[in-house]
Amino acid sequence: MANNVITKILKTIYQYKMILLFFVLWAHVSLLNLFFVNYSGPVFLWEQNSQLHTIQTHFFIALITTMFFLAITKLRQMNKNKKVKITDKIWLVCSVLLIASILFLLT
């Protein structure tokens, strides 16, 4: 009985894994930007984090990351199914693009 319930829950989660990934990334980025810690303790940035511009920025970071994950997943599936031969150079370009996007967002 318990196995059936767990299996149904896992199947439901698997169906919505991209949406869940997006929301987890959005929450992660928002929480990381919510506060910082200095010598006197944590400093919460409620006012800056509740601005529309900040919320949009977090939304687009999560969206871009989810799209990148989806693209890499599709490339891996195509390579696994032998539909398209993806060489090491393609994976290297994907890694460089990921690093470039991280550096762009950090500056």
N, C-alpha and C. Protein backbone atom coordinates (compact mmCIF):
# COMPACT_ATOMS: atom_id res chain seq x y z
N MET A 1 0.82 -1.19 0.00
CA MET A 1 0.00 0.00 0.00
C MET A 1 0.87 1.26 0.00
N ALA A 2 1.85 1.28 0.89
CA ALA A 2 2.72 2.46 0.99
C ALA A 2 3.56 2.63 -0.27
N ASN A 3 3.96 1.52 -0.87
CA ASN A 3 4.74 1.59 -2.11
C ASN A 3 3.94 2.24 -3.22
N ASN A 4 2.65 1.92 -3.31
CA ASN A 4 1.80 2.49 -4.35
C ASN A 4 1.65 4.00 -4.16
N VAL A 5 1.51 4.43 -2.93
CA VAL A 5 1.35 5.86 -2.65
C VAL A 5 2.63 6.59 -3.00
N ILE A 6 3.75 6.03 -2.59
CA ILE A 6 5.05 6.66 -2.89
C ILE A 6 5.28 6.71 -4.40
N THR A 7 4.94 5.64 -5.10
CA THR A 7 5.12 5.60 -6.54
C THR A 7 4.24 6.65 -7.23
N LYS A 8 3.01 6.81 -6.79
CA LYS A 8 2.12 7.82 -7.37
C LYS A 8 2.64 9.23 -7.11
N ILE A 9 3.13 9.46 -5.91
CA ILE A 9 3.68 10.79 -5.58
C ILE A 9 4.90 11.09 -6.44
N LEU A 10 5.78 10.11 -6.59
CA LEU A 10 6.98 10.32 -7.41
C LEU A 10 6.64 10.54 -8.88
N LYS A 11 5.64 9.84 -9.39
CA LYS A 11 5.22 10.05 -10.78
C LYS A 11 4.66 11.46 -10.97
N THR A 12 3.89 11.93 -9.99
CA THR A 12 3.33 13.28 -10.07
C THR A 12 4.44 14.31 -10.03
N ILE A 13 5.39 14.13 -9.14
CA ILE A 13 6.52 15.06 -9.06
C ILE A 13 7.31 15.04 -10.36
N TYR A 14 7.54 13.87 -10.94
CA TYR A 14 8.30 13.75 -12.17
C TYR A 14 7.61 14.48 -13.33
N GLN A 15 6.27 14.47 -13.35
CA GLN A 15 5.55 15.15 -14.42
C GLN A 15 5.79 16.65 -14.39
N TYR A 16 5.95 17.20 -13.21
CA TYR A 16 6.09 18.65 -13.06
C TYR A 16 7.50 19.05 -12.63
N LYS A 17 8.50 18.27 -13.02
CA LYS A 17 9.85 18.52 -12.52
C LYS A 17 10.43 19.84 -13.02
N MET A 18 10.13 20.26 -14.23
CA MET A 18 10.66 21.53 -14.72
C MET A 18 10.03 22.72 -13.99
N ILE A 19 8.75 22.63 -13.70
CA ILE A 19 8.09 23.70 -12.95
C ILE A 19 8.64 23.75 -11.53
N LEU A 20 8.82 22.58 -10.93
CA LEU A 20 9.40 22.53 -9.58
C LEU A 20 10.82 23.06 -9.57
N LEU A 21 11.60 22.71 -10.59
CA LEU A 21 12.97 23.22 -10.69
C LEU A 21 12.97 24.74 -10.76
N PHE A 22 12.07 25.30 -11.57
CA PHE A 22 11.99 26.75 -11.69
C PHE A 22 11.68 27.39 -10.34
N PHE A 23 10.69 26.88 -9.64
CA PHE A 23 10.32 27.48 -8.35
C PHE A 23 11.39 27.29 -7.29
N VAL A 24 12.07 26.16 -7.30
CA VAL A 24 13.16 25.96 -6.35
C VAL A 24 14.30 26.93 -6.65
N LEU A 25 14.63 27.11 -7.93
CA LEU A 25 15.69 28.06 -8.29
C LEU A 25 15.29 29.49 -7.94
N TRP A 26 14.04 29.84 -8.19
CA TRP A 26 13.57 31.19 -7.87
C TRP A 26 13.64 31.45 -6.36
N ALA A 27 13.20 30.47 -5.57
CA ALA A 27 13.27 30.61 -4.12
C ALA A 27 14.73 30.67 -3.65
N HIS A 28 15.57 29.86 -4.25
CA HIS A 28 16.98 29.82 -3.88
C HIS A 28 17.65 31.17 -4.13
N VAL A 29 17.46 31.72 -5.31
CA VAL A 29 18.07 33.00 -5.65
C VAL A 29 17.50 34.11 -4.77
N SER A 30 16.21 34.07 -4.53
CA SER A 30 15.59 35.10 -3.69
C SER A 30 16.08 35.04 -2.25
N LEU A 31 16.22 33.83 -1.72
CA LEU A 31 16.72 33.69 -0.35
C LEU A 31 18.19 34.08 -0.24
N LEU A 32 18.98 33.75 -1.25
CA LEU A 32 20.39 34.14 -1.22
C LEU A 32 20.55 35.66 -1.26
N ASN A 33 19.64 36.33 -1.93
CA ASN A 33 19.72 37.78 -2.05
C ASN A 33 18.99 38.49 -0.90
N LEU A 34 18.31 37.75 -0.06
CA LEU A 34 17.51 38.35 1.00
C LEU A 34 18.36 38.93 2.13
N PHE A 35 19.47 38.30 2.45
CA PHE A 35 20.27 38.78 3.58
C PHE A 35 21.75 38.48 3.34
N PHE A 36 22.58 39.15 4.11
CA PHE A 36 24.00 38.84 4.18
C PHE A 36 24.43 38.94 5.63
N VAL A 37 25.55 38.33 5.94
CA VAL A 37 26.01 38.27 7.32
C VAL A 37 27.30 39.07 7.43
N ASN A 38 27.34 39.98 8.41
CA ASN A 38 28.57 40.69 8.71
C ASN A 38 28.95 40.41 10.16
N TYR A 39 29.91 41.14 10.69
CA TYR A 39 30.39 40.87 12.05
C TYR A 39 29.33 41.09 13.12
N SER A 40 28.39 41.99 12.89
CA SER A 40 27.36 42.25 13.89
C SER A 40 26.13 41.35 13.72
N GLY A 41 26.13 40.47 12.74
CA GLY A 41 25.03 39.54 12.54
C GLY A 41 24.40 39.67 11.17
N PRO A 42 23.29 38.96 10.95
CA PRO A 42 22.65 39.02 9.63
C PRO A 42 21.96 40.36 9.39
N VAL A 43 22.03 40.81 8.14
CA VAL A 43 21.36 42.03 7.72
C VAL A 43 20.34 41.64 6.65
N PHE A 44 19.07 41.89 6.93
CA PHE A 44 18.01 41.52 6.00
C PHE A 44 17.69 42.69 5.09
N LEU A 45 17.52 42.40 3.82
CA LEU A 45 17.27 43.42 2.81
C LEU A 45 15.82 43.33 2.33
N TRP A 46 14.87 43.52 3.24
CA TRP A 46 13.46 43.38 2.91
C TRP A 46 13.01 44.38 1.86
N GLU A 47 13.42 45.61 2.04
CA GLU A 47 12.94 46.67 1.14
C GLU A 47 13.45 46.47 -0.28
N GLN A 48 14.74 46.16 -0.43
CA GLN A 48 15.32 45.96 -1.76
C GLN A 48 14.76 44.71 -2.42
N ASN A 49 14.51 43.67 -1.62
CA ASN A 49 14.03 42.40 -2.18
C ASN A 49 12.56 42.45 -2.57
N SER A 50 11.81 43.39 -2.05
CA SER A 50 10.39 43.45 -2.39
C SER A 50 10.10 44.37 -3.57
N GLN A 51 11.14 44.95 -4.16
CA GLN A 51 10.94 45.80 -5.33
C GLN A 51 10.66 44.94 -6.56
N LEU A 52 9.86 45.48 -7.46
CA LEU A 52 9.46 44.74 -8.67
C LEU A 52 10.67 44.38 -9.52
N HIS A 53 11.62 45.28 -9.63
CA HIS A 53 12.82 45.04 -10.44
C HIS A 53 13.61 43.84 -9.92
N THR A 54 13.73 43.72 -8.61
CA THR A 54 14.46 42.61 -8.00
C THR A 54 13.72 41.30 -8.22
N ILE A 55 12.41 41.32 -8.06
CA ILE A 55 11.62 40.10 -8.28
C ILE A 55 11.71 39.66 -9.73
N GLN A 56 11.66 40.60 -10.67
CA GLN A 56 11.79 40.26 -12.09
C GLN A 56 13.18 39.69 -12.38
N THR A 57 14.19 40.26 -11.79
CA THR A 57 15.55 39.76 -12.00
C THR A 57 15.67 38.32 -11.51
N HIS A 58 15.15 38.03 -10.35
CA HIS A 58 15.18 36.66 -9.82
C HIS A 58 14.37 35.72 -10.71
N PHE A 59 13.24 36.20 -11.21
CA PHE A 59 12.41 35.40 -12.11
C PHE A 59 13.19 35.04 -13.38
N PHE A 60 13.85 36.02 -13.99
CA PHE A 60 14.58 35.76 -15.23
C PHE A 60 15.81 34.89 -15.01
N ILE A 61 16.47 35.03 -13.88
CA ILE A 61 17.60 34.15 -13.57
C ILE A 61 17.11 32.71 -13.47
N ALA A 62 16.01 32.48 -12.76
CA ALA A 62 15.47 31.12 -12.62
C ALA A 62 14.97 30.60 -13.97
N LEU A 63 14.36 31.46 -14.77
CA LEU A 63 13.85 31.04 -16.08
C LEU A 63 14.99 30.67 -17.02
N ILE A 64 16.01 31.48 -17.08
CA ILE A 64 17.16 31.20 -17.96
C ILE A 64 17.86 29.92 -17.52
N THR A 65 18.02 29.73 -16.23
CA THR A 65 18.67 28.52 -15.73
C THR A 65 17.84 27.28 -16.05
N THR A 66 16.52 27.37 -15.89
CA THR A 66 15.65 26.24 -16.21
C THR A 66 15.69 25.93 -17.70
N MET A 67 15.69 26.96 -18.54
CA MET A 67 15.77 26.75 -19.99
C MET A 67 17.10 26.11 -20.38
N PHE A 68 18.18 26.56 -19.74
CA PHE A 68 19.49 25.98 -20.03
C PHE A 68 19.50 24.51 -19.62
N PHE A 69 18.95 24.19 -18.46
CA PHE A 69 18.87 22.79 -18.01
C PHE A 69 18.05 21.95 -18.98
N LEU A 70 16.93 22.50 -19.43
CA LEU A 70 16.07 21.79 -20.37
C LEU A 70 16.80 21.54 -21.69
N ALA A 71 17.54 22.54 -22.18
CA ALA A 71 18.28 22.38 -23.44
C ALA A 71 19.36 21.31 -23.31
N ILE A 72 20.10 21.33 -22.20
CA ILE A 72 21.14 20.33 -22.00
C ILE A 72 20.52 18.93 -21.86
N THR A 73 19.40 18.83 -21.19
CA THR A 73 18.71 17.55 -21.05
C THR A 73 18.28 17.01 -22.41
N LYS A 74 17.73 17.88 -23.26
CA LYS A 74 17.31 17.46 -24.60
C LYS A 74 18.51 17.03 -25.44
N LEU A 75 19.62 17.77 -25.32
CA LEU A 75 20.83 17.39 -26.05
C LEU A 75 21.34 16.02 -25.60
N ARG A 76 21.30 15.78 -24.31
CA ARG A 76 21.75 14.48 -23.80
C ARG A 76 20.84 13.35 -24.29
N GLN A 77 19.53 13.59 -24.34
CA GLN A 77 18.60 12.58 -24.84
C GLN A 77 18.84 12.30 -26.32
N MET A 78 19.07 13.35 -27.09
CA MET A 78 19.34 13.17 -28.52
C MET A 78 20.63 12.40 -28.73
N ASN A 79 21.62 12.68 -27.92
CA ASN A 79 22.89 11.97 -28.02
C ASN A 79 22.73 10.51 -27.60
N LYS A 80 21.94 10.26 -26.58
CA LYS A 80 21.71 8.90 -26.10
C LYS A 80 20.95 8.07 -27.12
N ASN A 81 19.97 8.69 -27.79
CA ASN A 81 19.16 7.99 -28.79
C ASN A 81 19.85 7.90 -30.14
N LYS A 82 21.04 8.45 -30.25
CA LYS A 82 21.85 8.43 -31.48
C LYS A 82 21.18 9.17 -32.63
N LYS A 83 20.28 10.11 -32.31
CA LYS A 83 19.67 10.92 -33.36
C LYS A 83 20.69 11.90 -33.91
N VAL A 84 21.47 12.46 -33.00
CA VAL A 84 22.50 13.43 -33.38
C VAL A 84 23.75 13.07 -32.60
N LYS A 85 24.88 13.07 -33.27
CA LYS A 85 26.14 12.82 -32.59
C LYS A 85 26.66 14.14 -32.04
N ILE A 86 26.74 14.22 -30.73
CA ILE A 86 27.22 15.43 -30.08
C ILE A 86 28.64 15.17 -29.60
N THR A 87 29.56 15.97 -30.12
CA THR A 87 30.96 15.77 -29.80
C THR A 87 31.34 16.49 -28.52
N ASP A 88 32.56 16.26 -28.09
CA ASP A 88 33.06 16.92 -26.88
C ASP A 88 33.15 18.43 -27.05
N LYS A 89 33.34 18.88 -28.28
CA LYS A 89 33.42 20.33 -28.52
C LYS A 89 32.09 21.01 -28.21
N ILE A 90 30.98 20.35 -28.52
CA ILE A 90 29.66 20.90 -28.21
C ILE A 90 29.49 21.03 -26.71
N TRP A 91 29.88 19.99 -25.98
CA TRP A 91 29.76 20.05 -24.52
C TRP A 91 30.67 21.13 -23.95
N LEU A 92 31.84 21.32 -24.54
CA LEU A 92 32.75 22.37 -24.10
C LEU A 92 32.12 23.75 -24.34
N VAL A 93 31.48 23.94 -25.48
CA VAL A 93 30.82 25.21 -25.77
C VAL A 93 29.67 25.44 -24.77
N CYS A 94 28.92 24.41 -24.45
CA CYS A 94 27.84 24.55 -23.46
C CYS A 94 28.41 24.95 -22.09
N SER A 95 29.53 24.37 -21.72
CA SER A 95 30.15 24.72 -20.44
C SER A 95 30.64 26.16 -20.45
N VAL A 96 31.23 26.58 -21.54
CA VAL A 96 31.70 27.97 -21.64
C VAL A 96 30.53 28.94 -21.60
N LEU A 97 29.44 28.61 -22.27
CA LEU A 97 28.25 29.46 -22.22
C LEU A 97 27.67 29.53 -20.81
N LEU A 98 27.69 28.43 -20.10
CA LEU A 98 27.20 28.44 -18.72
C LEU A 98 28.07 29.33 -17.85
N ILE A 99 29.37 29.21 -17.98
CA ILE A 99 30.30 30.05 -17.21
C ILE A 99 30.13 31.51 -17.58
N ALA A 100 29.97 31.79 -18.87
CA ALA A 100 29.78 33.17 -19.31
C ALA A 100 28.49 33.76 -18.75
N SER A 101 27.43 32.96 -18.72
CA SER A 101 26.17 33.48 -18.19
C SER A 101 26.26 33.72 -16.69
N ILE A 102 26.99 32.88 -15.98
CA ILE A 102 27.18 33.09 -14.54
C ILE A 102 27.99 34.36 -14.31
N LEU A 103 29.05 34.55 -15.08
CA LEU A 103 29.85 35.76 -14.93
C LEU A 103 29.06 37.00 -15.29
N PHE A 104 28.22 36.91 -16.30
CA PHE A 104 27.37 38.05 -16.68
C PHE A 104 26.42 38.43 -15.55
N LEU A 105 25.84 37.42 -14.91
CA LEU A 105 24.90 37.70 -13.83
C LEU A 105 25.60 38.21 -12.57
N LEU A 106 26.85 37.83 -12.39
CA LEU A 106 27.58 38.28 -11.21
C LEU A 106 28.08 39.72 -11.32
N THR A 107 28.22 40.22 -12.56
CA THR A 107 28.74 41.57 -12.72
C THR A 107 27.63 42.58 -12.88
